[in-house]
Amino acid sequence: MIQISNLILAADLSPEVTNNSAFNMIASFFAAALLIVVPAAAFLIFVSQKDSLERTSATRRR
């Protein structure tokens, strides 16, 4: 662990660069959530509701 911290300190990165990097990393997590997780969850909820309605109507027909 000490070697990694020495490497980071030796890189001589400014606080502005590290803050921008951290911000971009967090922003990419939110972008992934918006582009992947939210549509997938909405699709799964839609399919689940549709399947539930089909099963309910199929049991009424019998």
Protein backbone atom coordinates (compact mmCIF):
# COMPACT_ATOMS: atom_id res chain seq x y z
CA MET A 1 0.00 0.00 0.00
CA ILE A 2 2.88 2.33 0.76
CA GLN A 3 4.30 1.78 -2.73
CA ILE A 4 1.05 2.89 -4.34
CA SER A 5 0.86 6.05 -2.25
CA ASN A 6 4.49 6.83 -3.08
CA LEU A 7 3.72 6.39 -6.77
CA ILE A 8 0.77 8.78 -6.52
CA LEU A 9 2.84 11.37 -4.68
CA ALA A 10 5.69 11.00 -7.18
CA ALA A 11 3.29 11.64 -10.07
CA ASP A 12 2.91 15.21 -8.75
CA LEU A 13 -0.73 15.63 -9.79
CA SER A 14 -2.44 18.84 -8.86
CA PRO A 15 -5.58 18.76 -6.69
CA GLU A 16 -7.56 20.19 -9.61
CA VAL A 17 -6.65 17.24 -11.82
CA THR A 18 -7.52 14.69 -9.16
CA ASN A 19 -10.84 16.42 -8.40
CA ASN A 20 -11.76 16.47 -12.08
CA SER A 21 -10.88 12.80 -12.38
CA ALA A 22 -12.99 11.87 -9.36
CA PHE A 23 -15.90 13.95 -10.64
CA ASN A 24 -15.74 12.29 -14.06
CA MET A 25 -15.66 8.84 -12.47
CA ILE A 26 -18.78 9.58 -10.40
CA ALA A 27 -20.49 11.15 -13.41
CA SER A 28 -19.82 8.01 -15.44
CA PHE A 29 -21.50 5.92 -12.72
CA PHE A 30 -24.62 8.09 -12.97
CA ALA A 31 -24.53 7.96 -16.78
CA ALA A 32 -24.32 4.18 -16.68
CA ALA A 33 -27.27 4.08 -14.30
CA LEU A 34 -29.32 6.28 -16.61
CA LEU A 35 -28.36 4.49 -19.80
CA ILE A 36 -28.36 0.87 -18.62
CA VAL A 37 -29.93 0.26 -15.22
CA VAL A 38 -33.03 2.45 -15.48
CA PRO A 39 -34.18 1.18 -18.93
CA ALA A 40 -33.47 -2.43 -17.94
CA ALA A 41 -35.46 -2.06 -14.72
CA ALA A 42 -38.35 -0.41 -16.58
CA PHE A 43 -38.37 -3.22 -19.15
CA LEU A 44 -38.35 -5.90 -16.46
CA ILE A 45 -41.20 -4.21 -14.58
CA PHE A 46 -43.19 -3.92 -17.83
CA VAL A 47 -42.67 -7.59 -18.71
CA SER A 48 -43.51 -8.67 -15.17
CA GLN A 49 -46.76 -6.70 -15.16
CA LYS A 50 -47.73 -8.00 -18.60
CA ASP A 51 -47.04 -11.60 -17.55
CA SER A 52 -49.08 -11.11 -14.39
CA LEU A 53 -52.03 -9.83 -16.43
CA GLU A 54 -51.76 -12.76 -18.86
CA ARG A 55 -51.68 -15.29 -16.02
CA THR A 56 -54.68 -13.64 -14.34
CA SER A 57 -56.74 -13.68 -17.54
CA ALA A 58 -55.70 -17.27 -18.32
CA THR A 59 -56.93 -18.52 -14.94
CA ARG A 60 -60.27 -16.76 -15.43
CA ARG A 61 -60.82 -18.56 -18.75
CA ARG A 62 -60.64 -22.01 -17.16
